[in-house]
Amino acid sequence: MVIPTSSGNNYLDALSAVSTGNGDGQSLHAVLDFAQNWVSRIDWSSFETANLQLEQTNAYRDPGEAELSGNRLRLPG
């Protein structure tokens, strides 16, 4: 499983909620489901290809900046 930088806060918040008994795990399931879908669509055949797709999908963005600017992780086209 790959959790992109831009989704780090969402993942940690969802994981924390499960760890502390808050909620029923739906948030964690949603974060992991999206991450799995995203990672399955990245072309990992070469570093250059994958790196370009990671940049295009906002994977490297700072999580706080991504949230504030609306440039969240998106699925590859």
PDB file of N, CA and C in Angstrom:
ATOM      1  N   MET A   1       0.851  -1.169   0.000  1.00  0.00           N
ATOM      2  CA  MET A   1       0.000   0.000   0.000  1.00  0.00           C
ATOM      3  C   MET A   1       0.893   1.227   0.000  1.00  0.00           C
ATOM      4  N   VAL A   2       0.527   2.191  -0.796  1.00  0.00           N
ATOM      5  CA  VAL A   2       1.221   3.465  -0.859  1.00  0.00           C
ATOM      6  C   VAL A   2       0.252   4.544  -0.403  1.00  0.00           C
ATOM      7  N   ILE A   3       0.662   5.320   0.581  1.00  0.00           N
ATOM      8  CA  ILE A   3      -0.125   6.474   1.013  1.00  0.00           C
ATOM      9  C   ILE A   3       0.637   7.710   0.560  1.00  0.00           C
ATOM     10  N   PRO A   4       0.131   8.403  -0.455  1.00  0.00           N
ATOM     11  CA  PRO A   4       0.825   9.586  -0.954  1.00  0.00           C
ATOM     12  C   PRO A   4       0.921  10.676   0.106  1.00  0.00           C
ATOM     13  N   THR A   5       1.949  11.477  -0.005  1.00  0.00           N
ATOM     14  CA  THR A   5       2.173  12.570   0.945  1.00  0.00           C
ATOM     15  C   THR A   5       0.926  13.418   1.117  1.00  0.00           C
ATOM     16  N   SER A   6       0.272  13.750   0.013  1.00  0.00           N
ATOM     17  CA  SER A   6      -0.888  14.643   0.079  1.00  0.00           C
ATOM     18  C   SER A   6      -2.068  14.033   0.838  1.00  0.00           C
ATOM     19  N   SER A   7      -2.087  12.728   1.032  1.00  0.00           N
ATOM     20  CA  SER A   7      -3.159  12.065   1.782  1.00  0.00           C
ATOM     21  C   SER A   7      -2.742  11.670   3.188  1.00  0.00           C
ATOM     22  N   GLY A   8      -1.541  12.050   3.570  1.00  0.00           N
ATOM     23  CA  GLY A   8      -1.011  11.635   4.863  1.00  0.00           C
ATOM     24  C   GLY A   8      -1.874  12.013   6.053  1.00  0.00           C
ATOM     25  N   ASN A   9      -2.350  13.246   6.077  1.00  0.00           N
ATOM     26  CA  ASN A   9      -3.175  13.681   7.214  1.00  0.00           C
ATOM     27  C   ASN A   9      -4.480  12.902   7.283  1.00  0.00           C
ATOM     28  N   ASN A  10      -5.116  12.683   6.136  1.00  0.00           N
ATOM     29  CA  ASN A  10      -6.368  11.923   6.126  1.00  0.00           C
ATOM     30  C   ASN A  10      -6.147  10.508   6.649  1.00  0.00           C
ATOM     31  N   TYR A  11      -5.062   9.890   6.216  1.00  0.00           N
ATOM     32  CA  TYR A  11      -4.747   8.535   6.660  1.00  0.00           C
ATOM     33  C   TYR A  11      -4.490   8.496   8.168  1.00  0.00           C
ATOM     34  N   LEU A  12      -3.666   9.416   8.648  1.00  0.00           N
ATOM     35  CA  LEU A  12      -3.343   9.419  10.083  1.00  0.00           C
ATOM     36  C   LEU A  12      -4.557   9.738  10.938  1.00  0.00           C
ATOM     37  N   ASP A  13      -5.416  10.646  10.493  1.00  0.00           N
ATOM     38  CA  ASP A  13      -6.642  10.956  11.230  1.00  0.00           C
ATOM     39  C   ASP A  13      -7.561   9.740  11.301  1.00  0.00           C
ATOM     40  N   ALA A  14      -7.711   9.056  10.171  1.00  0.00           N
ATOM     41  CA  ALA A  14      -8.577   7.878  10.134  1.00  0.00           C
ATOM     42  C   ALA A  14      -8.000   6.743  10.977  1.00  0.00           C
ATOM     43  N   LEU A  15      -6.695   6.561  10.914  1.00  0.00           N
ATOM     44  CA  LEU A  15      -6.041   5.528  11.710  1.00  0.00           C
ATOM     45  C   LEU A  15      -6.165   5.831  13.196  1.00  0.00           C
ATOM     46  N   SER A  16      -5.996   7.078  13.558  1.00  0.00           N
ATOM     47  CA  SER A  16      -6.129   7.493  14.953  1.00  0.00           C
ATOM     48  C   SER A  16      -7.548   7.251  15.467  1.00  0.00           C
ATOM     49  N   ALA A  17      -8.533   7.539  14.627  1.00  0.00           N
ATOM     50  CA  ALA A  17      -9.921   7.328  15.041  1.00  0.00           C
ATOM     51  C   ALA A  17     -10.189   5.859  15.349  1.00  0.00           C
ATOM     52  N   VAL A  18      -9.662   4.979  14.519  1.00  0.00           N
ATOM     53  CA  VAL A  18      -9.839   3.536  14.757  1.00  0.00           C
ATOM     54  C   VAL A  18      -9.094   3.120  16.022  1.00  0.00           C
ATOM     55  N   SER A  19      -7.881   3.631  16.185  1.00  0.00           N
ATOM     56  CA  SER A  19      -7.053   3.261  17.334  1.00  0.00           C
ATOM     57  C   SER A  19      -7.661   3.687  18.662  1.00  0.00           C
ATOM     58  N   THR A  20      -8.365   4.800  18.659  1.00  0.00           N
ATOM     59  CA  THR A  20      -8.952   5.309  19.904  1.00  0.00           C
ATOM     60  C   THR A  20     -10.402   4.886  20.099  1.00  0.00           C
ATOM     61  N   GLY A  21     -10.933   4.123  19.144  1.00  0.00           N
ATOM     62  CA  GLY A  21     -12.297   3.634  19.275  1.00  0.00           C
ATOM     63  C   GLY A  21     -13.349   4.630  18.836  1.00  0.00           C
ATOM     64  N   ASN A  22     -12.935   5.702  18.171  1.00  0.00           N
ATOM     65  CA  ASN A  22     -13.897   6.690  17.663  1.00  0.00           C
ATOM     66  C   ASN A  22     -14.329   6.288  16.260  1.00  0.00           C
ATOM     67  N   GLY A  23     -15.590   6.130  16.063  1.00  0.00           N
ATOM     68  CA  GLY A  23     -16.089   5.751  14.753  1.00  0.00           C
ATOM     69  C   GLY A  23     -16.040   4.257  14.538  1.00  0.00           C
ATOM     70  N   ASP A  24     -16.476   3.860  13.367  1.00  0.00           N
ATOM     71  CA  ASP A  24     -16.567   2.435  13.066  1.00  0.00           C
ATOM     72  C   ASP A  24     -15.599   1.988  11.978  1.00  0.00           C
ATOM     73  N   GLY A  25     -14.615   2.814  11.681  1.00  0.00           N
ATOM     74  CA  GLY A  25     -13.612   2.449  10.688  1.00  0.00           C
ATOM     75  C   GLY A  25     -13.958   2.843   9.268  1.00  0.00           C
ATOM     76  N   GLN A  26     -15.100   3.471   9.076  1.00  0.00           N
ATOM     77  CA  GLN A  26     -15.508   3.867   7.726  1.00  0.00           C
ATOM     78  C   GLN A  26     -14.511   4.837   7.086  1.00  0.00           C
ATOM     79  N   SER A  27     -13.993   5.771   7.874  1.00  0.00           N
ATOM     80  CA  SER A  27     -13.042   6.742   7.333  1.00  0.00           C
ATOM     81  C   SER A  27     -11.755   6.055   6.883  1.00  0.00           C
ATOM     82  N   LEU A  28     -11.253   5.147   7.705  1.00  0.00           N
ATOM     83  CA  LEU A  28     -10.040   4.425   7.347  1.00  0.00           C
ATOM     84  C   LEU A  28     -10.278   3.579   6.097  1.00  0.00           C
ATOM     85  N   HIS A  29     -11.408   2.931   6.038  1.00  0.00           N
ATOM     86  CA  HIS A  29     -11.737   2.127   4.865  1.00  0.00           C
ATOM     87  C   HIS A  29     -11.778   3.012   3.618  1.00  0.00           C
ATOM     88  N   ALA A  30     -12.382   4.173   3.712  1.00  0.00           N
ATOM     89  CA  ALA A  30     -12.482   5.077   2.562  1.00  0.00           C
ATOM     90  C   ALA A  30     -11.104   5.554   2.102  1.00  0.00           C
ATOM     91  N   VAL A  31     -10.245   5.922   3.050  1.00  0.00           N
ATOM     92  CA  VAL A  31      -8.894   6.386   2.706  1.00  0.00           C
ATOM     93  C   VAL A  31      -8.107   5.261   2.045  1.00  0.00           C
ATOM     94  N   LEU A  32      -8.146   4.077   2.612  1.00  0.00           N
ATOM     95  CA  LEU A  32      -7.397   2.950   2.055  1.00  0.00           C
ATOM     96  C   LEU A  32      -7.961   2.494   0.716  1.00  0.00           C
ATOM     97  N   ASP A  33      -9.270   2.542   0.566  1.00  0.00           N
ATOM     98  CA  ASP A  33      -9.898   2.155  -0.694  1.00  0.00           C
ATOM     99  C   ASP A  33      -9.474   3.104  -1.811  1.00  0.00           C
ATOM    100  N   PHE A  34      -9.490   4.410  -1.527  1.00  0.00           N
ATOM    101  CA  PHE A  34      -9.066   5.386  -2.540  1.00  0.00           C
ATOM    102  C   PHE A  34      -7.593   5.207  -2.860  1.00  0.00           C
ATOM    103  N   ALA A  35      -6.761   5.006  -1.845  1.00  0.00           N
ATOM    104  CA  ALA A  35      -5.323   4.826  -2.072  1.00  0.00           C
ATOM    105  C   ALA A  35      -5.063   3.578  -2.920  1.00  0.00           C
ATOM    106  N   GLN A  36      -5.782   2.511  -2.654  1.00  0.00           N
ATOM    107  CA  GLN A  36      -5.613   1.288  -3.430  1.00  0.00           C
ATOM    108  C   GLN A  36      -6.031   1.510  -4.885  1.00  0.00           C
ATOM    109  N   ASN A  37      -7.137   2.195  -5.084  1.00  0.00           N
ATOM    110  CA  ASN A  37      -7.597   2.512  -6.425  1.00  0.00           C
ATOM    111  C   ASN A  37      -6.569   3.390  -7.145  1.00  0.00           C
ATOM    112  N   TRP A  38      -6.068   4.404  -6.463  1.00  0.00           N
ATOM    113  CA  TRP A  38      -5.076   5.321  -7.031  1.00  0.00           C
ATOM    114  C   TRP A  38      -3.804   4.558  -7.422  1.00  0.00           C
ATOM    115  N   VAL A  39      -3.255   3.783  -6.494  1.00  0.00           N
ATOM    116  CA  VAL A  39      -1.986   3.096  -6.760  1.00  0.00           C
ATOM    117  C   VAL A  39      -2.118   2.080  -7.891  1.00  0.00           C
ATOM    118  N   SER A  40      -3.290   1.491  -8.052  1.00  0.00           N
ATOM    119  CA  SER A  40      -3.484   0.517  -9.131  1.00  0.00           C
ATOM    120  C   SER A  40      -3.514   1.176 -10.505  1.00  0.00           C
ATOM    121  N   ARG A  41      -3.750   2.479 -10.555  1.00  0.00           N
ATOM    122  CA  ARG A  41      -3.823   3.193 -11.832  1.00  0.00           C
ATOM    123  C   ARG A  41      -2.510   3.871 -12.231  1.00  0.00           C
ATOM    124  N   ILE A  42      -1.544   3.890 -11.343  1.00  0.00           N
ATOM    125  CA  ILE A  42      -0.244   4.479 -11.666  1.00  0.00           C
ATOM    126  C   ILE A  42       0.552   3.470 -12.496  1.00  0.00           C
ATOM    127  N   ASP A  43       1.204   3.962 -13.535  1.00  0.00           N
ATOM    128  CA  ASP A  43       2.068   3.113 -14.349  1.00  0.00           C
ATOM    129  C   ASP A  43       3.447   3.075 -13.689  1.00  0.00           C
ATOM    130  N   TRP A  44       3.750   1.979 -13.024  1.00  0.00           N
ATOM    131  CA  TRP A  44       5.002   1.828 -12.275  1.00  0.00           C
ATOM    132  C   TRP A  44       6.116   1.208 -13.117  1.00  0.00           C
ATOM    133  N   SER A  45       5.972   1.169 -14.429  1.00  0.00           N
ATOM    134  CA  SER A  45       6.944   0.483 -15.277  1.00  0.00           C
ATOM    135  C   SER A  45       8.320   1.136 -15.298  1.00  0.00           C
ATOM    136  N   SER A  46       8.391   2.423 -15.026  1.00  0.00           N
ATOM    137  CA  SER A  46       9.687   3.094 -14.918  1.00  0.00           C
ATOM    138  C   SER A  46       9.568   4.233 -13.914  1.00  0.00           C
ATOM    139  N   PHE A  47      10.698   4.619 -13.362  1.00  0.00           N
ATOM    140  CA  PHE A  47      10.698   5.716 -12.405  1.00  0.00           C
ATOM    141  C   PHE A  47      10.151   6.989 -13.052  1.00  0.00           C
ATOM    142  N   GLU A  48      10.598   7.290 -14.266  1.00  0.00           N
ATOM    143  CA  GLU A  48      10.210   8.521 -14.942  1.00  0.00           C
ATOM    144  C   GLU A  48       8.706   8.583 -15.165  1.00  0.00           C
ATOM    145  N   THR A  49       8.132   7.493 -15.626  1.00  0.00           N
ATOM    146  CA  THR A  49       6.695   7.441 -15.885  1.00  0.00           C
ATOM    147  C   THR A  49       5.901   7.586 -14.594  1.00  0.00           C
ATOM    148  N   ALA A  50       6.278   6.813 -13.583  1.00  0.00           N
ATOM    149  CA  ALA A  50       5.571   6.877 -12.305  1.00  0.00           C
ATOM    150  C   ALA A  50       5.724   8.253 -11.671  1.00  0.00           C
ATOM    151  N   ASN A  51       6.916   8.796 -11.693  1.00  0.00           N
ATOM    152  CA  ASN A  51       7.164  10.102 -11.090  1.00  0.00           C
ATOM    153  C   ASN A  51       6.306  11.185 -11.742  1.00  0.00           C
ATOM    154  N   LEU A  52       6.184  11.143 -13.056  1.00  0.00           N
ATOM    155  CA  LEU A  52       5.354  12.116 -13.764  1.00  0.00           C
ATOM    156  C   LEU A  52       3.897  11.989 -13.333  1.00  0.00           C
ATOM    157  N   GLN A  53       3.407  10.771 -13.220  1.00  0.00           N
ATOM    158  CA  GLN A  53       2.024  10.568 -12.792  1.00  0.00           C
ATOM    159  C   GLN A  53       1.829  10.977 -11.336  1.00  0.00           C
ATOM    160  N   LEU A  54       2.809  10.744 -10.501  1.00  0.00           N
ATOM    161  CA  LEU A  54       2.705  11.172  -9.111  1.00  0.00           C
ATOM    162  C   LEU A  54       2.601  12.696  -9.036  1.00  0.00           C
ATOM    163  N   GLU A  55       3.388  13.382  -9.831  1.00  0.00           N
ATOM    164  CA  GLU A  55       3.311  14.843  -9.865  1.00  0.00           C
ATOM    165  C   GLU A  55       1.963  15.308 -10.384  1.00  0.00           C
ATOM    166  N   GLN A  56       1.477  14.690 -11.449  1.00  0.00           N
ATOM    167  CA  GLN A  56       0.212  15.095 -12.068  1.00  0.00           C
ATOM    168  C   GLN A  56      -1.002  14.830 -11.186  1.00  0.00           C
ATOM    169  N   THR A  57      -0.900  13.874 -10.291  1.00  0.00           N
ATOM    170  CA  THR A  57      -2.039  13.546  -9.429  1.00  0.00           C
ATOM    171  C   THR A  57      -1.946  14.203  -8.053  1.00  0.00           C
ATOM    172  N   ASN A  58      -0.980  15.081  -7.873  1.00  0.00           N
ATOM    173  CA  ASN A  58      -0.787  15.834  -6.622  1.00  0.00           C
ATOM    174  C   ASN A  58      -0.285  14.980  -5.464  1.00  0.00           C
ATOM    175  N   ALA A  59       0.343  13.862  -5.753  1.00  0.00           N
ATOM    176  CA  ALA A  59       0.785  12.943  -4.707  1.00  0.00           C
ATOM    177  C   ALA A  59       1.853  13.536  -3.797  1.00  0.00           C
ATOM    178  N   TYR A  60       2.679  14.439  -4.331  1.00  0.00           N
ATOM    179  CA  TYR A  60       3.779  14.989  -3.552  1.00  0.00           C
ATOM    180  C   TYR A  60       3.407  16.244  -2.755  1.00  0.00           C
ATOM    181  N   ARG A  61       2.234  16.750  -2.940  1.00  0.00           N
ATOM    182  CA  ARG A  61       1.867  18.001  -2.266  1.00  0.00           C
ATOM    183  C   ARG A  61       1.825  17.826  -0.751  1.00  0.00           C
ATOM    184  N   ASP A  62       2.173  18.893  -0.063  1.00  0.00           N
ATOM    185  CA  ASP A  62       2.041  18.924   1.391  1.00  0.00           C
ATOM    186  C   ASP A  62       0.560  18.737   1.723  1.00  0.00           C
ATOM    187  N   PRO A  63       0.233  17.881   2.693  1.00  0.00           N
ATOM    188  CA  PRO A  63      -1.175  17.605   2.980  1.00  0.00           C
ATOM    189  C   PRO A  63      -1.981  18.843   3.375  1.00  0.00           C
ATOM    190  N   GLY A  64      -1.406  19.714   4.181  1.00  0.00           N
ATOM    191  CA  GLY A  64      -2.121  20.927   4.587  1.00  0.00           C
ATOM    192  C   GLY A  64      -2.358  21.854   3.413  1.00  0.00           C
ATOM    193  N   GLU A  65      -1.340  22.027   2.592  1.00  0.00           N
ATOM    194  CA  GLU A  65      -1.461  22.893   1.414  1.00  0.00           C
ATOM    195  C   GLU A  65      -2.447  22.299   0.417  1.00  0.00           C
ATOM    196  N   ALA A  66      -2.406  20.997   0.234  1.00  0.00           N
ATOM    197  CA  ALA A  66      -3.316  20.333  -0.701  1.00  0.00           C
ATOM    198  C   ALA A  66      -4.766  20.538  -0.274  1.00  0.00           C
ATOM    199  N   GLU A  67      -5.008  20.426   1.011  1.00  0.00           N
ATOM    200  CA  GLU A  67      -6.370  20.597   1.541  1.00  0.00           C
ATOM    201  C   GLU A  67      -6.851  22.037   1.368  1.00  0.00           C
ATOM    202  N   LEU A  68      -6.003  22.989   1.727  1.00  0.00           N
ATOM    203  CA  LEU A  68      -6.382  24.404   1.647  1.00  0.00           C
ATOM    204  C   LEU A  68      -6.565  24.873   0.208  1.00  0.00           C
ATOM    205  N   SER A  69      -5.721  24.407  -0.696  1.00  0.00           N
ATOM    206  CA  SER A  69      -5.769  24.878  -2.071  1.00  0.00           C
ATOM    207  C   SER A  69      -6.747  24.080  -2.944  1.00  0.00           C
ATOM    208  N   GLY A  70      -7.271  22.974  -2.422  1.00  0.00           N
ATOM    209  CA  GLY A  70      -8.172  22.136  -3.202  1.00  0.00           C
ATOM    210  C   GLY A  70      -7.440  21.244  -4.197  1.00  0.00           C
ATOM    211  N   ASN A  71      -6.120  21.141  -4.067  1.00  0.00           N
ATOM    212  CA  ASN A  71      -5.309  20.301  -4.952  1.00  0.00           C
ATOM    213  C   ASN A  71      -5.048  18.957  -4.301  1.00  0.00           C
ATOM    214  N   ARG A  72      -6.098  18.277  -3.969  1.00  0.00           N
ATOM    215  CA  ARG A  72      -5.997  16.972  -3.309  1.00  0.00           C
ATOM    216  C   ARG A  72      -5.559  15.908  -4.299  1.00  0.00           C
ATOM    217  N   LEU A  73      -5.235  14.757  -3.755  1.00  0.00           N
ATOM    218  CA  LEU A  73      -4.866  13.619  -4.578  1.00  0.00           C
ATOM    219  C   LEU A  73      -6.018  13.299  -5.520  1.00  0.00           C
ATOM    220  N   ARG A  74      -5.677  13.047  -6.773  1.00  0.00           N
ATOM    221  CA  ARG A  74      -6.703  12.663  -7.743  1.00  0.00           C
ATOM    222  C   ARG A  74      -6.241  11.439  -8.516  1.00  0.00           C
ATOM    223  N   LEU A  75      -7.176  10.753  -9.062  1.00  0.00           N
ATOM    224  CA  LEU A  75      -6.863   9.554  -9.829  1.00  0.00           C
ATOM    225  C   LEU A  75      -6.228   9.938 -11.157  1.00  0.00           C
ATOM    226  N   PRO A  76      -5.281   9.125 -11.638  1.00  0.00           N
ATOM    227  CA  PRO A  76      -4.686   9.393 -12.937  1.00  0.00           C
ATOM    228  C   PRO A  76      -5.733   9.379 -14.043  1.00  0.00           C
ATOM    229  N   GLY A  77      -5.524  10.243 -15.040  1.00  0.00           N
ATOM    230  CA  GLY A  77      -6.461  10.354 -16.165  1.00  0.00           C
ATOM    231  C   GLY A  77      -6.450   9.154 -16.997  1.00  0.00           C
TER     232      GLY A  77
END
